[in-house]
Amino acid sequence: MSEKMSKSEEIRARLEAAFAPQELQVINESEKHRGHGGYSDGESHFRVVIRADAFGPMSRVGRHRAVHAALGPELVARIHALALEISG
Protein backbone atom coordinates (compact mmCIF):
# COMPACT_ATOMS: atom_id res chain seq x y z
CA MET A 1 0.00 0.00 0.00
CA SER A 2 1.02 3.57 -0.57
CA GLU A 3 3.00 5.38 2.10
CA LYS A 4 0.66 8.35 1.60
CA MET A 5 -2.43 6.40 2.69
CA SER A 6 -3.66 6.82 6.23
CA LYS A 7 -4.03 3.67 8.31
CA SER A 8 -7.82 4.04 8.00
CA GLU A 9 -7.52 4.08 4.22
CA GLU A 10 -5.18 1.07 4.25
CA ILE A 11 -7.57 -0.91 6.45
CA ARG A 12 -10.51 -0.06 4.18
CA ALA A 13 -8.64 -0.89 0.95
CA ARG A 14 -7.33 -4.23 2.20
CA LEU A 15 -10.69 -5.37 3.59
CA GLU A 16 -12.58 -4.30 0.47
CA ALA A 17 -10.11 -6.21 -1.71
CA ALA A 18 -10.25 -9.35 0.43
CA PHE A 19 -13.95 -9.60 1.21
CA ALA A 20 -16.05 -7.33 -1.09
CA PRO A 21 -18.18 -6.46 1.94
CA GLN A 22 -21.80 -5.37 1.82
CA GLU A 23 -21.04 -3.10 4.79
CA LEU A 24 -17.73 -1.69 5.95
CA GLN A 25 -17.10 0.98 8.54
CA VAL A 26 -13.58 1.85 9.65
CA ILE A 27 -13.91 4.05 12.73
CA ASN A 28 -10.88 5.83 14.14
CA GLU A 29 -11.36 5.86 17.92
CA SER A 30 -7.86 7.13 18.69
CA GLU A 31 -8.90 10.47 20.18
CA LYS A 32 -10.84 8.62 22.88
CA HIS A 33 -7.48 7.20 23.98
CA ARG A 34 -5.31 10.34 23.92
CA GLY A 35 -2.91 10.16 26.84
CA HIS A 36 -3.35 6.41 27.28
CA GLY A 37 -0.86 3.69 26.43
CA GLY A 38 -0.49 3.02 22.73
CA TYR A 39 -1.70 6.43 21.55
CA SER A 40 0.85 7.72 19.08
CA ASP A 41 -0.03 9.46 15.85
CA GLY A 42 -3.81 9.86 16.05
CA GLU A 43 -4.22 6.55 14.20
CA SER A 44 -3.70 3.92 16.85
CA HIS A 45 -7.17 2.66 17.89
CA PHE A 46 -9.76 1.44 15.39
CA ARG A 47 -13.16 -0.23 15.32
CA VAL A 48 -14.13 -2.12 12.17
CA VAL A 49 -17.71 -3.10 11.41
CA ILE A 50 -17.80 -5.47 8.45
CA ARG A 51 -20.46 -7.66 6.87
CA ALA A 52 -19.55 -9.98 4.01
CA ASP A 53 -20.84 -13.27 2.65
CA ALA A 54 -17.35 -14.75 2.97
CA PHE A 55 -17.71 -14.75 6.76
CA GLY A 56 -20.93 -16.79 6.75
CA PRO A 57 -19.45 -20.28 7.24
CA MET A 58 -16.61 -19.15 9.55
CA SER A 59 -16.44 -19.39 13.32
CA ARG A 60 -15.90 -16.21 15.34
CA VAL A 61 -12.20 -17.03 15.70
CA GLY A 62 -11.96 -17.85 11.98
CA ARG A 63 -13.47 -14.47 11.09
CA HIS A 64 -10.97 -12.62 13.25
CA ARG A 65 -8.08 -14.61 11.78
CA ALA A 66 -9.31 -13.87 8.25
CA VAL A 67 -9.45 -10.13 8.93
CA HIS A 68 -5.98 -10.11 10.49
CA ALA A 69 -4.60 -12.09 7.53
CA ALA A 70 -6.19 -9.65 5.06
CA LEU A 71 -4.68 -6.68 6.89
CA GLY A 72 -1.26 -8.33 7.05
CA PRO A 73 1.21 -8.47 9.92
CA GLU A 74 2.94 -5.21 9.00
CA LEU A 75 -0.26 -3.13 9.21
CA VAL A 76 -1.54 -4.95 12.29
CA ALA A 77 1.79 -4.22 14.02
CA ARG A 78 1.24 -0.47 13.46
CA ILE A 79 -2.19 -0.52 15.15
CA HIS A 80 -2.39 -0.52 18.96
CA ALA A 81 -6.04 -1.63 19.25
CA LEU A 82 -8.45 -3.14 16.73
CA ALA A 83 -12.03 -3.90 17.75
CA LEU A 84 -13.87 -6.11 15.24
CA GLU A 85 -17.61 -6.49 14.68
CA ILE A 86 -17.90 -9.14 11.96
CA SER A 87 -20.99 -10.71 10.42
CA GLY A 88 -21.69 -12.89 7.43
PDB file of N, CA and C in Angstrom:
ATOM      1  N   MET A   1       0.835  -1.183   0.000  1.00  0.00           N
ATOM      2  CA  MET A   1       0.000   0.000   0.000  1.00  0.00           C
ATOM      3  C   MET A   1       0.880   1.247   0.000  1.00  0.00           C
ATOM      4  N   SER A   2       0.300   2.310  -0.444  1.00  0.00           N
ATOM      5  CA  SER A   2       1.020   3.569  -0.571  1.00  0.00           C
ATOM      6  C   SER A   2       1.385   4.141   0.790  1.00  0.00           C
ATOM      7  N   GLU A   3       2.565   4.724   0.869  1.00  0.00           N
ATOM      8  CA  GLU A   3       2.996   5.377   2.101  1.00  0.00           C
ATOM      9  C   GLU A   3       2.142   6.604   2.409  1.00  0.00           C
ATOM     10  N   LYS A   4       1.462   7.156   1.409  1.00  0.00           N
ATOM     11  CA  LYS A   4       0.657   8.348   1.603  1.00  0.00           C
ATOM     12  C   LYS A   4      -0.730   8.038   2.156  1.00  0.00           C
ATOM     13  N   MET A   5      -1.119   6.778   2.166  1.00  0.00           N
ATOM     14  CA  MET A   5      -2.426   6.398   2.689  1.00  0.00           C
ATOM     15  C   MET A   5      -2.418   6.446   4.208  1.00  0.00           C
ATOM     16  N   SER A   6      -3.524   6.894   4.777  1.00  0.00           N
ATOM     17  CA  SER A   6      -3.664   6.824   6.229  1.00  0.00           C
ATOM     18  C   SER A   6      -3.901   5.356   6.598  1.00  0.00           C
ATOM     19  N   LYS A   7      -3.758   5.039   7.867  1.00  0.00           N
ATOM     20  CA  LYS A   7      -4.032   3.674   8.309  1.00  0.00           C
ATOM     21  C   LYS A   7      -5.495   3.324   8.057  1.00  0.00           C
ATOM     22  N   SER A   8      -6.387   4.272   8.272  1.00  0.00           N
ATOM     23  CA  SER A   8      -7.819   4.039   7.998  1.00  0.00           C
ATOM     24  C   SER A   8      -8.033   3.650   6.542  1.00  0.00           C
ATOM     25  N   GLU A   9      -7.391   4.366   5.644  1.00  0.00           N
ATOM     26  CA  GLU A   9      -7.516   4.078   4.215  1.00  0.00           C
ATOM     27  C   GLU A   9      -6.926   2.716   3.872  1.00  0.00           C
ATOM     28  N   GLU A  10      -5.793   2.383   4.488  1.00  0.00           N
ATOM     29  CA  GLU A  10      -5.178   1.070   4.247  1.00  0.00           C
ATOM     30  C   GLU A  10      -6.090  -0.055   4.720  1.00  0.00           C
ATOM     31  N   ILE A  11      -6.657   0.102   5.913  1.00  0.00           N
ATOM     32  CA  ILE A  11      -7.570  -0.909   6.446  1.00  0.00           C
ATOM     33  C   ILE A  11      -8.729  -1.097   5.485  1.00  0.00           C
ATOM     34  N   ARG A  12      -9.350  -0.006   5.084  1.00  0.00           N
ATOM     35  CA  ARG A  12     -10.506  -0.061   4.176  1.00  0.00           C
ATOM     36  C   ARG A  12     -10.130  -0.743   2.858  1.00  0.00           C
ATOM     37  N   ALA A  13      -9.039  -0.341   2.254  1.00  0.00           N
ATOM     38  CA  ALA A  13      -8.638  -0.887   0.953  1.00  0.00           C
ATOM     39  C   ALA A  13      -8.369  -2.386   1.038  1.00  0.00           C
ATOM     40  N   ARG A  14      -7.666  -2.817   2.072  1.00  0.00           N
ATOM     41  CA  ARG A  14      -7.327  -4.232   2.197  1.00  0.00           C
ATOM     42  C   ARG A  14      -8.564  -5.093   2.463  1.00  0.00           C
ATOM     43  N   LEU A  15      -9.481  -4.591   3.295  1.00  0.00           N
ATOM     44  CA  LEU A  15     -10.687  -5.368   3.586  1.00  0.00           C
ATOM     45  C   LEU A  15     -11.644  -5.400   2.404  1.00  0.00           C
ATOM     46  N   GLU A  16     -11.747  -4.296   1.670  1.00  0.00           N
ATOM     47  CA  GLU A  16     -12.583  -4.296   0.466  1.00  0.00           C
ATOM     48  C   GLU A  16     -12.047  -5.284  -0.560  1.00  0.00           C
ATOM     49  N   ALA A  17     -10.725  -5.306  -0.739  1.00  0.00           N
ATOM     50  CA  ALA A  17     -10.113  -6.209  -1.714  1.00  0.00           C
ATOM     51  C   ALA A  17     -10.286  -7.676  -1.317  1.00  0.00           C
ATOM     52  N   ALA A  18     -10.198  -7.958  -0.031  1.00  0.00           N
ATOM     53  CA  ALA A  18     -10.247  -9.345   0.426  1.00  0.00           C
ATOM     54  C   ALA A  18     -11.655  -9.912   0.521  1.00  0.00           C
ATOM     55  N   PHE A  19     -12.635  -9.068   0.870  1.00  0.00           N
ATOM     56  CA  PHE A  19     -13.953  -9.599   1.208  1.00  0.00           C
ATOM     57  C   PHE A  19     -15.126  -9.033   0.419  1.00  0.00           C
ATOM     58  N   ALA A  20     -14.936  -7.976  -0.374  1.00  0.00           N
ATOM     59  CA  ALA A  20     -16.045  -7.333  -1.092  1.00  0.00           C
ATOM     60  C   ALA A  20     -17.268  -7.190  -0.180  1.00  0.00           C
ATOM     61  N   PRO A  21     -17.110  -6.501   0.940  1.00  0.00           N
ATOM     62  CA  PRO A  21     -18.177  -6.460   1.942  1.00  0.00           C
ATOM     63  C   PRO A  21     -19.409  -5.685   1.495  1.00  0.00           C
ATOM     64  N   GLN A  22     -20.568  -6.115   2.031  1.00  0.00           N
ATOM     65  CA  GLN A  22     -21.803  -5.370   1.816  1.00  0.00           C
ATOM     66  C   GLN A  22     -21.832  -4.141   2.729  1.00  0.00           C
ATOM     67  N   GLU A  23     -21.151  -4.225   3.851  1.00  0.00           N
ATOM     68  CA  GLU A  23     -21.041  -3.104   4.789  1.00  0.00           C
ATOM     69  C   GLU A  23     -19.620  -3.061   5.305  1.00  0.00           C
ATOM     70  N   LEU A  24     -19.059  -1.855   5.370  1.00  0.00           N
ATOM     71  CA  LEU A  24     -17.726  -1.691   5.945  1.00  0.00           C
ATOM     72  C   LEU A  24     -17.624  -0.298   6.550  1.00  0.00           C
ATOM     73  N   GLN A  25     -17.368  -0.272   7.839  1.00  0.00           N
ATOM     74  CA  GLN A  25     -17.102   0.977   8.539  1.00  0.00           C
ATOM     75  C   GLN A  25     -15.738   0.847   9.209  1.00  0.00           C
ATOM     76  N   VAL A  26     -14.876   1.802   8.974  1.00  0.00           N
ATOM     77  CA  VAL A  26     -13.584   1.852   9.651  1.00  0.00           C
ATOM     78  C   VAL A  26     -13.620   3.123  10.500  1.00  0.00           C
ATOM     79  N   ILE A  27     -13.708   2.935  11.802  1.00  0.00           N
ATOM     80  CA  ILE A  27     -13.909   4.047  12.729  1.00  0.00           C
ATOM     81  C   ILE A  27     -12.628   4.267  13.524  1.00  0.00           C
ATOM     82  N   ASN A  28     -12.082   5.468  13.405  1.00  0.00           N
ATOM     83  CA  ASN A  28     -10.876   5.826  14.142  1.00  0.00           C
ATOM     84  C   ASN A  28     -11.300   6.315  15.527  1.00  0.00           C
ATOM     85  N   GLU A  29     -10.993   5.524  16.542  1.00  0.00           N
ATOM     86  CA  GLU A  29     -11.356   5.861  17.920  1.00  0.00           C
ATOM     87  C   GLU A  29     -10.154   6.370  18.721  1.00  0.00           C
ATOM     88  N   SER A  30      -9.112   6.770  18.036  1.00  0.00           N
ATOM     89  CA  SER A  30      -7.858   7.130  18.692  1.00  0.00           C
ATOM     90  C   SER A  30      -8.001   8.301  19.663  1.00  0.00           C
ATOM     91  N   GLU A  31      -8.784   9.301  19.317  1.00  0.00           N
ATOM     92  CA  GLU A  31      -8.903  10.472  20.181  1.00  0.00           C
ATOM     93  C   GLU A  31      -9.495  10.122  21.547  1.00  0.00           C
ATOM     94  N   LYS A  32     -10.290   9.072  21.602  1.00  0.00           N
ATOM     95  CA  LYS A  32     -10.838   8.625  22.882  1.00  0.00           C
ATOM     96  C   LYS A  32      -9.736   8.106  23.807  1.00  0.00           C
ATOM     97  N   HIS A  33      -8.569   7.818  23.233  1.00  0.00           N
ATOM     98  CA  HIS A  33      -7.480   7.196  23.978  1.00  0.00           C
ATOM     99  C   HIS A  33      -6.266   8.106  24.116  1.00  0.00           C
ATOM    100  N   ARG A  34      -6.428   9.381  23.787  1.00  0.00           N
ATOM    101  CA  ARG A  34      -5.311  10.337  23.919  1.00  0.00           C
ATOM    102  C   ARG A  34      -4.810  10.324  25.361  1.00  0.00           C
ATOM    103  N   GLY A  35      -3.513  10.192  25.522  1.00  0.00           N
ATOM    104  CA  GLY A  35      -2.907  10.165  26.841  1.00  0.00           C
ATOM    105  C   GLY A  35      -2.811   8.771  27.442  1.00  0.00           C
ATOM    106  N   HIS A  36      -3.418   7.790  26.793  1.00  0.00           N
ATOM    107  CA  HIS A  36      -3.346   6.409  27.275  1.00  0.00           C
ATOM    108  C   HIS A  36      -2.233   5.674  26.551  1.00  0.00           C
ATOM    109  N   GLY A  37      -1.887   4.514  27.051  1.00  0.00           N
ATOM    110  CA  GLY A  37      -0.862   3.691  26.425  1.00  0.00           C
ATOM    111  C   GLY A  37      -1.230   3.335  24.998  1.00  0.00           C
ATOM    112  N   GLY A  38      -0.264   3.392  24.110  1.00  0.00           N
ATOM    113  CA  GLY A  38      -0.486   3.021  22.725  1.00  0.00           C
ATOM    114  C   GLY A  38      -0.883   4.160  21.822  1.00  0.00           C
ATOM    115  N   TYR A  39      -1.344   5.289  22.394  1.00  0.00           N
ATOM    116  CA  TYR A  39      -1.700   6.433  21.552  1.00  0.00           C
ATOM    117  C   TYR A  39      -0.422   7.005  20.987  1.00  0.00           C
ATOM    118  N   SER A  40      -0.389   7.193  19.663  1.00  0.00           N
ATOM    119  CA  SER A  40       0.848   7.720  19.084  1.00  0.00           C
ATOM    120  C   SER A  40       0.573   8.835  18.094  1.00  0.00           C
ATOM    121  N   ASP A  41       0.047   8.507  16.947  1.00  0.00           N
ATOM    122  CA  ASP A  41      -0.035   9.462  15.849  1.00  0.00           C
ATOM    123  C   ASP A  41      -1.469   9.839  15.486  1.00  0.00           C
ATOM    124  N   GLY A  42      -2.406   9.588  16.360  1.00  0.00           N
ATOM    125  CA  GLY A  42      -3.805   9.857  16.047  1.00  0.00           C
ATOM    126  C   GLY A  42      -4.449   8.766  15.211  1.00  0.00           C
ATOM    127  N   GLU A  43      -3.699   7.711  14.940  1.00  0.00           N
ATOM    128  CA  GLU A  43      -4.224   6.555  14.204  1.00  0.00           C
ATOM    129  C   GLU A  43      -3.708   5.282  14.867  1.00  0.00           C
ATOM    130  N   SER A  44      -4.196   5.048  16.075  1.00  0.00           N
ATOM    131  CA  SER A  44      -3.704   3.915  16.847  1.00  0.00           C
ATOM    132  C   SER A  44      -4.808   2.960  17.299  1.00  0.00           C
ATOM    133  N   HIS A  45      -6.041   3.451  17.382  1.00  0.00           N
ATOM    134  CA  HIS A  45      -7.166   2.659  17.894  1.00  0.00           C
ATOM    135  C   HIS A  45      -8.303   2.691  16.869  1.00  0.00           C
ATOM    136  N   PHE A  46      -8.723   1.510  16.419  1.00  0.00           N
ATOM    137  CA  PHE A  46      -9.765   1.437  15.388  1.00  0.00           C
ATOM    138  C   PHE A  46     -10.848   0.439  15.770  1.00  0.00           C
ATOM    139  N   ARG A  47     -12.035   0.711  15.264  1.00  0.00           N
ATOM    140  CA  ARG A  47     -13.157  -0.229  15.317  1.00  0.00           C
ATOM    141  C   ARG A  47     -13.568  -0.482  13.873  1.00  0.00           C
ATOM    142  N   VAL A  48     -13.699  -1.746  13.515  1.00  0.00           N
ATOM    143  CA  VAL A  48     -14.128  -2.124  12.171  1.00  0.00           C
ATOM    144  C   VAL A  48     -15.448  -2.881  12.282  1.00  0.00           C
ATOM    145  N   VAL A  49     -16.432  -2.403  11.535  1.00  0.00           N
ATOM    146  CA  VAL A  49     -17.711  -3.099  11.407  1.00  0.00           C
ATOM    147  C   VAL A  49     -17.754  -3.594   9.971  1.00  0.00           C
ATOM    148  N   ILE A  50     -17.838  -4.909   9.796  1.00  0.00           N
ATOM    149  CA  ILE A  50     -17.797  -5.467   8.445  1.00  0.00           C
ATOM    150  C   ILE A  50     -18.814  -6.602   8.324  1.00  0.00           C
ATOM    151  N   ARG A  51     -19.508  -6.595   7.191  1.00  0.00           N
ATOM    152  CA  ARG A  51     -20.464  -7.660   6.870  1.00  0.00           C
ATOM    153  C   ARG A  51     -20.169  -8.125   5.456  1.00  0.00           C
ATOM    154  N   ALA A  52     -19.871  -9.416   5.322  1.00  0.00           N
ATOM    155  CA  ALA A  52     -19.551  -9.980   4.013  1.00  0.00           C
ATOM    156  C   ALA A  52     -19.969 -11.439   3.980  1.00  0.00           C
ATOM    157  N   ASP A  53     -20.425 -11.881   2.819  1.00  0.00           N
ATOM    158  CA  ASP A  53     -20.843 -13.271   2.653  1.00  0.00           C
ATOM    159  C   ASP A  53     -19.727 -14.252   2.986  1.00  0.00           C
ATOM    160  N   ALA A  54     -18.496 -13.861   2.732  1.00  0.00           N
ATOM    161  CA  ALA A  54     -17.354 -14.753   2.969  1.00  0.00           C
ATOM    162  C   ALA A  54     -17.263 -15.199   4.428  1.00  0.00           C
ATOM    163  N   PHE A  55     -17.791 -14.413   5.340  1.00  0.00           N
ATOM    164  CA  PHE A  55     -17.706 -14.752   6.761  1.00  0.00           C
ATOM    165  C   PHE A  55     -18.780 -15.741   7.204  1.00  0.00           C
ATOM    166  N   GLY A  56     -19.803 -15.959   6.384  1.00  0.00           N
ATOM    167  CA  GLY A  56     -20.932 -16.794   6.752  1.00  0.00           C
ATOM    168  C   GLY A  56     -20.577 -18.136   7.360  1.00  0.00           C
ATOM    169  N   PRO A  57     -19.733 -18.944   6.710  1.00  0.00           N
ATOM    170  CA  PRO A  57     -19.446 -20.283   7.241  1.00  0.00           C
ATOM    171  C   PRO A  57     -18.349 -20.310   8.315  1.00  0.00           C
ATOM    172  N   MET A  58     -17.747 -19.169   8.625  1.00  0.00           N
ATOM    173  CA  MET A  58     -16.610 -19.147   9.554  1.00  0.00           C
ATOM    174  C   MET A  58     -17.056 -19.021  10.998  1.00  0.00           C
ATOM    175  N   SER A  59     -16.247 -19.589  11.887  1.00  0.00           N
ATOM    176  CA  SER A  59     -16.444 -19.388  13.324  1.00  0.00           C
ATOM    177  C   SER A  59     -16.011 -17.962  13.679  1.00  0.00           C
ATOM    178  N   ARG A  60     -16.313 -17.547  14.886  1.00  0.00           N
ATOM    179  CA  ARG A  60     -15.898 -16.212  15.342  1.00  0.00           C
ATOM    180  C   ARG A  60     -14.379 -16.059  15.258  1.00  0.00           C
ATOM    181  N   VAL A  61     -13.663 -17.069  15.739  1.00  0.00           N
ATOM    182  CA  VAL A  61     -12.200 -17.027  15.697  1.00  0.00           C
ATOM    183  C   VAL A  61     -11.714 -17.025  14.248  1.00  0.00           C
ATOM    184  N   GLY A  62     -12.336 -17.825  13.393  1.00  0.00           N
ATOM    185  CA  GLY A  62     -11.965 -17.855  11.981  1.00  0.00           C
ATOM    186  C   GLY A  62     -12.154 -16.503  11.304  1.00  0.00           C
ATOM    187  N   ARG A  63     -13.222 -15.808  11.651  1.00  0.00           N
ATOM    188  CA  ARG A  63     -13.475 -14.472  11.085  1.00  0.00           C
ATOM    189  C   ARG A  63     -12.387 -13.488  11.498  1.00  0.00           C
ATOM    190  N   HIS A  64     -12.017 -13.531  12.773  1.00  0.00           N
ATOM    191  CA  HIS A  64     -10.969 -12.625  13.254  1.00  0.00           C
ATOM    192  C   HIS A  64      -9.632 -12.946  12.581  1.00  0.00           C
ATOM    193  N   ARG A  65      -9.329 -14.218  12.451  1.00  0.00           N
ATOM    194  CA  ARG A  65      -8.085 -14.611  11.780  1.00  0.00           C
ATOM    195  C   ARG A  65      -8.076 -14.159  10.325  1.00  0.00           C
ATOM    196  N   ALA A  66      -9.218 -14.280   9.649  1.00  0.00           N
ATOM    197  CA  ALA A  66      -9.306 -13.870   8.248  1.00  0.00           C
ATOM    198  C   ALA A  66      -9.076 -12.371   8.092  1.00  0.00           C
ATOM    199  N   VAL A  67      -9.656 -11.580   8.993  1.00  0.00           N
ATOM    200  CA  VAL A  67      -9.455 -10.128   8.931  1.00  0.00           C
ATOM    201  C   VAL A  67      -7.991  -9.787   9.180  1.00  0.00           C
ATOM    202  N   HIS A  68      -7.399 -10.383  10.197  1.00  0.00           N
ATOM    203  CA  HIS A  68      -5.984 -10.110  10.489  1.00  0.00           C
ATOM    204  C   HIS A  68      -5.090 -10.522   9.316  1.00  0.00           C
ATOM    205  N   ALA A  69      -5.394 -11.653   8.684  1.00  0.00           N
ATOM    206  CA  ALA A  69      -4.603 -12.092   7.527  1.00  0.00           C
ATOM    207  C   ALA A  69      -4.752 -11.114   6.369  1.00  0.00           C
ATOM    208  N   ALA A  70      -5.966 -10.605   6.150  1.00  0.00           N
ATOM    209  CA  ALA A  70      -6.190  -9.651   5.060  1.00  0.00           C
ATOM    210  C   ALA A  70      -5.451  -8.340   5.312  1.00  0.00           C
ATOM    211  N   LEU A  71      -5.387  -7.921   6.566  1.00  0.00           N
ATOM    212  CA  LEU A  71      -4.679  -6.677   6.892  1.00  0.00           C
ATOM    213  C   LEU A  71      -3.179  -6.858   6.785  1.00  0.00           C
ATOM    214  N   GLY A  72      -2.693  -8.042   7.121  1.00  0.00           N
ATOM    215  CA  GLY A  72      -1.262  -8.332   7.047  1.00  0.00           C
ATOM    216  C   GLY A  72      -0.548  -7.951   8.330  1.00  0.00           C
ATOM    217  N   PRO A  73       0.499  -8.690   8.655  1.00  0.00           N
ATOM    218  CA  PRO A  73       1.209  -8.469   9.923  1.00  0.00           C
ATOM    219  C   PRO A  73       1.847  -7.093  10.047  1.00  0.00           C
ATOM    220  N   GLU A  74       2.276  -6.524   8.943  1.00  0.00           N
ATOM    221  CA  GLU A  74       2.944  -5.212   9.001  1.00  0.00           C
ATOM    222  C   GLU A  74       1.959  -4.131   9.418  1.00  0.00           C
ATOM    223  N   LEU A  75       0.755  -4.132   8.847  1.00  0.00           N
ATOM    224  CA  LEU A  75      -0.255  -3.128   9.211  1.00  0.00           C
ATOM    225  C   LEU A  75      -0.776  -3.383  10.623  1.00  0.00           C
ATOM    226  N   VAL A  76      -1.055  -4.622  10.955  1.00  0.00           N
ATOM    227  CA  VAL A  76      -1.538  -4.952  12.292  1.00  0.00           C
ATOM    228  C   VAL A  76      -0.533  -4.496  13.349  1.00  0.00           C
ATOM    229  N   ALA A  77       0.751  -4.626  13.071  1.00  0.00           N
ATOM    230  CA  ALA A  77       1.791  -4.219  14.019  1.00  0.00           C
ATOM    231  C   ALA A  77       1.794  -2.706  14.255  1.00  0.00           C
ATOM    232  N   ARG A  78       1.264  -1.934  13.316  1.00  0.00           N
ATOM    233  CA  ARG A  78       1.237  -0.473  13.462  1.00  0.00           C
ATOM    234  C   ARG A  78      -0.043   0.033  14.134  1.00  0.00           C
ATOM    235  N   ILE A  79      -0.928  -0.880  14.507  1.00  0.00           N
ATOM    236  CA  ILE A  79      -2.185  -0.523  15.153  1.00  0.00           C
ATOM    237  C   ILE A  79      -2.131  -1.005  16.599  1.00  0.00           C
ATOM    238  N   HIS A  80      -2.430  -0.133  17.546  1.00  0.00           N
ATOM    239  CA  HIS A  80      -2.392  -0.521  18.957  1.00  0.00           C
ATOM    240  C   HIS A  80      -3.618  -1.334  19.352  1.00  0.00           C
ATOM    241  N   ALA A  81      -4.803  -0.923  18.877  1.00  0.00           N
ATOM    242  CA  ALA A  81      -6.040  -1.628  19.252  1.00  0.00           C
ATOM    243  C   ALA A  81      -6.960  -1.714  18.045  1.00  0.00           C
ATOM    244  N   LEU A  82      -7.543  -2.911  17.860  1.00  0.00           N
ATOM    245  CA  LEU A  82      -8.450  -3.144  16.734  1.00  0.00           C
ATOM    246  C   LEU A  82      -9.650  -3.926  17.243  1.00  0.00           C
ATOM    247  N   ALA A  83     -10.792  -3.251  17.344  1.00  0.00           N
ATOM    248  CA  ALA A  83     -12.031  -3.901  17.748  1.00  0.00           C
ATOM    249  C   ALA A  83     -12.759  -4.332  16.487  1.00  0.00           C
ATOM    250  N   LEU A  84     -13.230  -5.575  16.451  1.00  0.00           N
ATOM    251  CA  LEU A  84     -13.873  -6.110  15.245  1.00  0.00           C
ATOM    252  C   LEU A  84     -15.308  -6.525  15.541  1.00  0.00           C
ATOM    253  N   GLU A  85     -16.218  -6.051  14.682  1.00  0.00           N
ATOM    254  CA  GLU A  85     -17.612  -6.491  14.684  1.00  0.00           C
ATOM    255  C   GLU A  85     -17.860  -7.089  13.302  1.00  0.00           C
ATOM    256  N   ILE A  86     -17.887  -8.424  13.230  1.00  0.00           N
ATOM    257  CA  ILE A  86     -17.898  -9.140  11.959  1.00  0.00           C
ATOM    258  C   ILE A  86     -19.169  -9.971  11.838  1.00  0.00           C
ATOM    259  N   SER A  87     -19.825  -9.858  10.676  1.00  0.00           N
ATOM    260  CA  SER A  87     -20.987 -10.712  10.422  1.00  0.00           C
ATOM    261  C   SER A  87     -20.969 -11.172   8.988  1.00  0.00           C
ATOM    262  N   GLY A  88     -21.644 -12.305   8.771  1.00  0.00           N
ATOM    263  CA  GLY A  88     -21.690 -12.892   7.434  1.00  0.00           C
ATOM    264  C   GLY A  88     -23.011 -12.664   6.754  1.00  0.00           C
TER     265      GLY A  88
END
